[in-house]
Amino acid sequence: GVVSRIFCDSVIKNLEEKYEELSLEG
C-alpha cells in the first residue's frame, strides 16, 4: 500500500512538472 501511495503521489508531481510540454514520451 505504501508503494501504491508513493507511485500515485510521484505521478502527480511529475505530471504537474511536465504539463506545459506534455507528450507521449513525457
PDB file of all heavy atoms in Angstrom:
ATOM      1  N   GLY A   1       0.822  -1.208   0.000  1.00  0.00           N
ATOM      2  CA  GLY A   1       0.000   0.000   0.000  1.00  0.00           C
ATOM      3  C   GLY A   1       0.854   1.255   0.000  1.00  0.00           C
ATOM      4  O   GLY A   1       0.493   2.262  -0.627  1.00  0.00           O
ATOM      5  N   VAL A   2       1.982   1.210   0.680  1.00  0.00           N
ATOM      6  CA  VAL A   2       2.912   2.340   0.655  1.00  0.00           C
ATOM      7  C   VAL A   2       3.426   2.565  -0.759  1.00  0.00           C
ATOM      8  O   VAL A   2       3.520   3.702  -1.235  1.00  0.00           O
ATOM      9  CB  VAL A   2       4.092   2.101   1.625  1.00  0.00           C
ATOM     10  CG1 VAL A   2       5.131   3.207   1.492  1.00  0.00           C
ATOM     11  CG2 VAL A   2       3.594   2.011   3.055  1.00  0.00           C
ATOM     12  N   VAL A   3       3.749   1.474  -1.468  1.00  0.00           N
ATOM     13  CA  VAL A   3       4.190   1.585  -2.861  1.00  0.00           C
ATOM     14  C   VAL A   3       3.118   2.252  -3.713  1.00  0.00           C
ATOM     15  O   VAL A   3       3.414   3.111  -4.557  1.00  0.00           O
ATOM     16  CB  VAL A   3       4.554   0.196  -3.422  1.00  0.00           C
ATOM     17  CG1 VAL A   3       4.678   0.228  -4.938  1.00  0.00           C
ATOM     18  CG2 VAL A   3       5.868  -0.292  -2.814  1.00  0.00           C
ATOM     19  N   SER A   4       1.857   1.873  -3.497  1.00  0.00           N
ATOM     20  CA  SER A   4       0.759   2.498  -4.250  1.00  0.00           C
ATOM     21  C   SER A   4       0.724   4.004  -4.024  1.00  0.00           C
ATOM     22  O   SER A   4       0.586   4.790  -4.969  1.00  0.00           O
ATOM     23  CB  SER A   4      -0.582   1.891  -3.828  1.00  0.00           C
ATOM     24  OG  SER A   4      -0.681   0.554  -4.207  1.00  0.00           O
ATOM     25  N   ARG A   5       0.846   4.416  -2.768  1.00  0.00           N
ATOM     26  CA  ARG A   5       0.808   5.844  -2.444  1.00  0.00           C
ATOM     27  C   ARG A   5       2.016   6.568  -3.025  1.00  0.00           C
ATOM     28  O   ARG A   5       1.880   7.656  -3.591  1.00  0.00           O
ATOM     29  CB  ARG A   5       0.759   6.000  -0.919  1.00  0.00           C
ATOM     30  CG  ARG A   5       0.959   7.423  -0.401  1.00  0.00           C
ATOM     31  CD  ARG A   5       0.005   8.404  -1.029  1.00  0.00           C
ATOM     32  NE  ARG A   5      -1.380   8.027  -0.816  1.00  0.00           N
ATOM     33  CZ  ARG A   5      -2.391   8.563  -1.478  1.00  0.00           C
ATOM     34  NH1 ARG A   5      -2.152   9.472  -2.423  1.00  0.00           N
ATOM     35  NH2 ARG A   5      -3.629   8.193  -1.246  1.00  0.00           N
ATOM     36  N   ILE A   6       3.207   5.973  -2.910  1.00  0.00           N
ATOM     37  CA  ILE A   6       4.409   6.581  -3.477  1.00  0.00           C
ATOM     38  C   ILE A   6       4.237   6.777  -4.977  1.00  0.00           C
ATOM     39  O   ILE A   6       4.558   7.840  -5.524  1.00  0.00           O
ATOM     40  CB  ILE A   6       5.649   5.708  -3.188  1.00  0.00           C
ATOM     41  CG1 ILE A   6       6.009   5.784  -1.704  1.00  0.00           C
ATOM     42  CG2 ILE A   6       6.836   6.134  -4.047  1.00  0.00           C
ATOM     43  CD1 ILE A   6       7.080   4.794  -1.289  1.00  0.00           C
ATOM     44  N   PHE A   7       3.735   5.752  -5.653  1.00  0.00           N
ATOM     45  CA  PHE A   7       3.566   5.834  -7.096  1.00  0.00           C
ATOM     46  C   PHE A   7       2.595   6.944  -7.478  1.00  0.00           C
ATOM     47  O   PHE A   7       2.899   7.782  -8.335  1.00  0.00           O
ATOM     48  CB  PHE A   7       3.072   4.494  -7.646  1.00  0.00           C
ATOM     49  CG  PHE A   7       2.814   4.504  -9.124  1.00  0.00           C
ATOM     50  CD1 PHE A   7       3.850   4.408 -10.030  1.00  0.00           C
ATOM     51  CD2 PHE A   7       1.520   4.632  -9.614  1.00  0.00           C
ATOM     52  CE1 PHE A   7       3.622   4.435 -11.397  1.00  0.00           C
ATOM     53  CE2 PHE A   7       1.273   4.655 -10.982  1.00  0.00           C
ATOM     54  CZ  PHE A   7       2.324   4.564 -11.871  1.00  0.00           C
ATOM     55  N   CYS A   8       1.422   6.964  -6.855  1.00  0.00           N
ATOM     56  CA  CYS A   8       0.407   7.966  -7.214  1.00  0.00           C
ATOM     57  C   CYS A   8       0.906   9.386  -6.965  1.00  0.00           C
ATOM     58  O   CYS A   8       0.756  10.274  -7.818  1.00  0.00           O
ATOM     59  CB  CYS A   8      -0.879   7.719  -6.428  1.00  0.00           C
ATOM     60  SG  CYS A   8      -1.839   6.301  -6.990  1.00  0.00           S
ATOM     61  N   ASP A   9       1.494   9.607  -5.805  1.00  0.00           N
ATOM     62  CA  ASP A   9       1.951  10.953  -5.476  1.00  0.00           C
ATOM     63  C   ASP A   9       3.084  11.399  -6.401  1.00  0.00           C
ATOM     64  O   ASP A   9       3.143  12.567  -6.816  1.00  0.00           O
ATOM     65  CB  ASP A   9       2.406  11.011  -4.021  1.00  0.00           C
ATOM     66  CG  ASP A   9       1.247  10.920  -3.042  1.00  0.00           C
ATOM     67  OD1 ASP A   9       0.090  11.024  -3.483  1.00  0.00           O
ATOM     68  OD2 ASP A   9       1.497  10.738  -1.839  1.00  0.00           O
ATOM     69  N   SER A  10       3.985  10.487  -6.736  1.00  0.00           N
ATOM     70  CA  SER A  10       5.081  10.825  -7.642  1.00  0.00           C
ATOM     71  C   SER A  10       4.561  11.126  -9.043  1.00  0.00           C
ATOM     72  O   SER A  10       5.028  12.064  -9.696  1.00  0.00           O
ATOM     73  CB  SER A  10       6.099   9.679  -7.690  1.00  0.00           C
ATOM     74  OG  SER A  10       7.148   9.978  -8.591  1.00  0.00           O
ATOM     75  N   VAL A  11       3.585  10.353  -9.502  1.00  0.00           N
ATOM     76  CA  VAL A  11       2.993  10.591 -10.820  1.00  0.00           C
ATOM     77  C   VAL A  11       2.406  11.995 -10.899  1.00  0.00           C
ATOM     78  O   VAL A  11       2.644  12.729 -11.868  1.00  0.00           O
ATOM     79  CB  VAL A  11       1.916   9.527 -11.119  1.00  0.00           C
ATOM     80  CG1 VAL A  11       0.967  10.013 -12.217  1.00  0.00           C
ATOM     81  CG2 VAL A  11       2.559   8.214 -11.549  1.00  0.00           C
ATOM     82  N   ILE A  12       1.630  12.385  -9.895  1.00  0.00           N
ATOM     83  CA  ILE A  12       1.004  13.703  -9.915  1.00  0.00           C
ATOM     84  C   ILE A  12       2.068  14.800  -9.927  1.00  0.00           C
ATOM     85  O   ILE A  12       1.992  15.770 -10.698  1.00  0.00           O
ATOM     86  CB  ILE A  12       0.062  13.868  -8.710  1.00  0.00           C
ATOM     87  CG1 ILE A  12      -1.094  12.874  -8.795  1.00  0.00           C
ATOM     88  CG2 ILE A  12      -0.475  15.299  -8.647  1.00  0.00           C
ATOM     89  CD1 ILE A  12      -1.949  12.974 -10.036  1.00  0.00           C
ATOM     90  N   LYS A  13       3.072  14.662  -9.088  1.00  0.00           N
ATOM     91  CA  LYS A  13       4.154  15.643  -9.039  1.00  0.00           C
ATOM     92  C   LYS A  13       4.863  15.747 -10.392  1.00  0.00           C
ATOM     93  O   LYS A  13       5.097  16.851 -10.909  1.00  0.00           O
ATOM     94  CB  LYS A  13       5.159  15.256  -7.956  1.00  0.00           C
ATOM     95  CG  LYS A  13       6.373  16.175  -7.833  1.00  0.00           C
ATOM     96  CD  LYS A  13       7.246  15.732  -6.677  1.00  0.00           C
ATOM     97  CE  LYS A  13       8.477  16.626  -6.537  1.00  0.00           C
ATOM     98  NZ  LYS A  13       9.410  16.460  -7.681  1.00  0.00           N
ATOM     99  N   ASN A  14       5.175  14.599 -10.998  1.00  0.00           N
ATOM    100  CA  ASN A  14       5.873  14.596 -12.283  1.00  0.00           C
ATOM    101  C   ASN A  14       5.004  15.135 -13.411  1.00  0.00           C
ATOM    102  O   ASN A  14       5.487  15.849 -14.301  1.00  0.00           O
ATOM    103  CB  ASN A  14       6.341  13.179 -12.633  1.00  0.00           C
ATOM    104  CG  ASN A  14       7.419  12.668 -11.696  1.00  0.00           C
ATOM    105  OD1 ASN A  14       8.042  13.450 -10.987  1.00  0.00           O
ATOM    106  ND2 ASN A  14       7.620  11.357 -11.681  1.00  0.00           N
ATOM    107  N   LEU A  15       3.700  14.815 -13.383  1.00  0.00           N
ATOM    108  CA  LEU A  15       2.792  15.329 -14.407  1.00  0.00           C
ATOM    109  C   LEU A  15       2.668  16.847 -14.309  1.00  0.00           C
ATOM    110  O   LEU A  15       2.631  17.546 -15.330  1.00  0.00           O
ATOM    111  CB  LEU A  15       1.409  14.693 -14.275  1.00  0.00           C
ATOM    112  CG  LEU A  15       1.249  13.267 -14.802  1.00  0.00           C
ATOM    113  CD1 LEU A  15      -0.118  12.720 -14.440  1.00  0.00           C
ATOM    114  CD2 LEU A  15       1.444  13.216 -16.323  1.00  0.00           C
ATOM    115  N   GLU A  16       2.589  17.339 -13.101  1.00  0.00           N
ATOM    116  CA  GLU A  16       2.496  18.794 -12.926  1.00  0.00           C
ATOM    117  C   GLU A  16       3.750  19.484 -13.461  1.00  0.00           C
ATOM    118  O   GLU A  16       3.666  20.536 -14.104  1.00  0.00           O
ATOM    119  CB  GLU A  16       2.294  19.118 -11.449  1.00  0.00           C
ATOM    120  CG  GLU A  16       0.913  18.742 -10.933  1.00  0.00           C
ATOM    121  CD  GLU A  16       0.770  18.950  -9.443  1.00  0.00           C
ATOM    122  OE1 GLU A  16       1.800  18.994  -8.736  1.00  0.00           O
ATOM    123  OE2 GLU A  16      -0.384  19.059  -8.977  1.00  0.00           O
ATOM    124  N   GLU A  17       4.909  18.887 -13.228  1.00  0.00           N
ATOM    125  CA  GLU A  17       6.161  19.486 -13.691  1.00  0.00           C
ATOM    126  C   GLU A  17       6.287  19.455 -15.210  1.00  0.00           C
ATOM    127  O   GLU A  17       6.865  20.362 -15.815  1.00  0.00           O
ATOM    128  CB  GLU A  17       7.343  18.757 -13.056  1.00  0.00           C
ATOM    129  CG  GLU A  17       7.477  19.000 -11.558  1.00  0.00           C
ATOM    130  CD  GLU A  17       8.575  18.170 -10.934  1.00  0.00           C
ATOM    131  OE1 GLU A  17       9.155  17.308 -11.646  1.00  0.00           O
ATOM    132  OE2 GLU A  17       8.876  18.381  -9.746  1.00  0.00           O
ATOM    133  N   LYS A  18       5.756  18.417 -15.854  1.00  0.00           N
ATOM    134  CA  LYS A  18       5.911  18.251 -17.300  1.00  0.00           C
ATOM    135  C   LYS A  18       4.687  18.715 -18.079  1.00  0.00           C
ATOM    136  O   LYS A  18       4.639  18.587 -19.308  1.00  0.00           O
ATOM    137  CB  LYS A  18       6.170  16.764 -17.621  1.00  0.00           C
ATOM    138  CG  LYS A  18       7.485  16.241 -17.059  1.00  0.00           C
ATOM    139  CD  LYS A  18       7.670  14.763 -17.397  1.00  0.00           C
ATOM    140  CE  LYS A  18       8.970  14.223 -16.825  1.00  0.00           C
ATOM    141  NZ  LYS A  18      10.147  14.853 -17.435  1.00  0.00           N
ATOM    142  N   TYR A  19       3.690  19.269 -17.375  1.00  0.00           N
ATOM    143  CA  TYR A  19       2.391  19.513 -18.001  1.00  0.00           C
ATOM    144  C   TYR A  19       2.468  20.457 -19.197  1.00  0.00           C
ATOM    145  O   TYR A  19       1.816  20.219 -20.221  1.00  0.00           O
ATOM    146  CB  TYR A  19       1.420  20.069 -16.957  1.00  0.00           C
ATOM    147  CG  TYR A  19       0.013  20.217 -17.492  1.00  0.00           C
ATOM    148  CD1 TYR A  19      -0.823  19.118 -17.599  1.00  0.00           C
ATOM    149  CD2 TYR A  19      -0.468  21.461 -17.891  1.00  0.00           C
ATOM    150  CE1 TYR A  19      -2.114  19.247 -18.097  1.00  0.00           C
ATOM    151  CE2 TYR A  19      -1.752  21.606 -18.387  1.00  0.00           C
ATOM    152  CZ  TYR A  19      -2.567  20.492 -18.488  1.00  0.00           C
ATOM    153  OH  TYR A  19      -3.832  20.633 -18.983  1.00  0.00           O
ATOM    154  N   GLU A  20       3.223  21.516 -19.109  1.00  0.00           N
ATOM    155  CA  GLU A  20       3.246  22.519 -20.178  1.00  0.00           C
ATOM    156  C   GLU A  20       3.753  21.951 -21.493  1.00  0.00           C
ATOM    157  O   GLU A  20       3.375  22.421 -22.567  1.00  0.00           O
ATOM    158  CB  GLU A  20       4.098  23.719 -19.750  1.00  0.00           C
ATOM    159  CG  GLU A  20       3.494  24.533 -18.628  1.00  0.00           C
ATOM    160  CD  GLU A  20       2.079  24.997 -18.953  1.00  0.00           C
ATOM    161  OE1 GLU A  20       1.847  25.440 -20.106  1.00  0.00           O
ATOM    162  OE2 GLU A  20       1.207  24.906 -18.069  1.00  0.00           O
ATOM    163  N   GLU A  21       4.611  20.957 -21.449  1.00  0.00           N
ATOM    164  CA  GLU A  21       5.148  20.347 -22.671  1.00  0.00           C
ATOM    165  C   GLU A  21       4.803  18.860 -22.722  1.00  0.00           C
ATOM    166  O   GLU A  21       5.607  18.031 -23.143  1.00  0.00           O
ATOM    167  CB  GLU A  21       6.662  20.550 -22.742  1.00  0.00           C
ATOM    168  CG  GLU A  21       7.068  22.023 -22.800  1.00  0.00           C
ATOM    169  CD  GLU A  21       8.571  22.211 -22.836  1.00  0.00           C
ATOM    170  OE1 GLU A  21       9.302  21.215 -22.670  1.00  0.00           O
ATOM    171  OE2 GLU A  21       9.014  23.354 -23.044  1.00  0.00           O
ATOM    172  N   LEU A  22       3.591  18.531 -22.312  1.00  0.00           N
ATOM    173  CA  LEU A  22       3.183  17.140 -22.192  1.00  0.00           C
ATOM    174  C   LEU A  22       3.151  16.443 -23.556  1.00  0.00           C
ATOM    175  O   LEU A  22       2.704  17.007 -24.547  1.00  0.00           O
ATOM    176  CB  LEU A  22       1.803  17.063 -21.547  1.00  0.00           C
ATOM    177  CG  LEU A  22       1.402  15.710 -20.951  1.00  0.00           C
ATOM    178  CD1 LEU A  22       2.374  15.275 -19.872  1.00  0.00           C
ATOM    179  CD2 LEU A  22      -0.005  15.782 -20.400  1.00  0.00           C
ATOM    180  N   SER A  23       3.646  15.215 -23.589  1.00  0.00           N
ATOM    181  CA  SER A  23       3.677  14.397 -24.797  1.00  0.00           C
ATOM    182  C   SER A  23       3.643  12.933 -24.379  1.00  0.00           C
ATOM    183  O   SER A  23       3.757  12.612 -23.187  1.00  0.00           O
ATOM    184  CB  SER A  23       4.954  14.661 -25.595  1.00  0.00           C
ATOM    185  OG  SER A  23       6.093  14.236 -24.859  1.00  0.00           O
ATOM    186  N   LEU A  24       3.497  12.035 -25.356  1.00  0.00           N
ATOM    187  CA  LEU A  24       3.512  10.617 -25.033  1.00  0.00           C
ATOM    188  C   LEU A  24       4.847  10.207 -24.430  1.00  0.00           C
ATOM    189  O   LEU A  24       4.900   9.404 -23.492  1.00  0.00           O
ATOM    190  CB  LEU A  24       3.208   9.781 -26.282  1.00  0.00           C
ATOM    191  CG  LEU A  24       1.752   9.802 -26.764  1.00  0.00           C
ATOM    192  CD1 LEU A  24       1.590   8.917 -27.981  1.00  0.00           C
ATOM    193  CD2 LEU A  24       0.808   9.334 -25.656  1.00  0.00           C
ATOM    194  N   GLU A  25       5.925  10.738 -24.963  1.00  0.00           N
ATOM    195  CA  GLU A  25       7.233  10.416 -24.398  1.00  0.00           C
ATOM    196  C   GLU A  25       7.347  10.970 -22.977  1.00  0.00           C
ATOM    197  O   GLU A  25       7.960  10.357 -22.102  1.00  0.00           O
ATOM    198  CB  GLU A  25       8.352  10.973 -25.274  1.00  0.00           C
ATOM    199  CG  GLU A  25       9.728  10.430 -24.929  1.00  0.00           C
ATOM    200  CD  GLU A  25       9.804   8.917 -24.971  1.00  0.00           C
ATOM    201  OE1 GLU A  25       9.160   8.303 -25.847  1.00  0.00           O
ATOM    202  OE2 GLU A  25      10.505   8.327 -24.121  1.00  0.00           O
ATOM    203  N   GLY A  26       6.727  12.131 -22.759  1.00  0.00           N
ATOM    204  CA  GLY A  26       6.708  12.691 -21.411  1.00  0.00           C
ATOM    205  C   GLY A  26       5.942  11.809 -20.442  1.00  0.00           C
ATOM    206  O   GLY A  26       6.320  11.682 -19.273  1.00  0.00           O
TER     207      GLY A  26
END
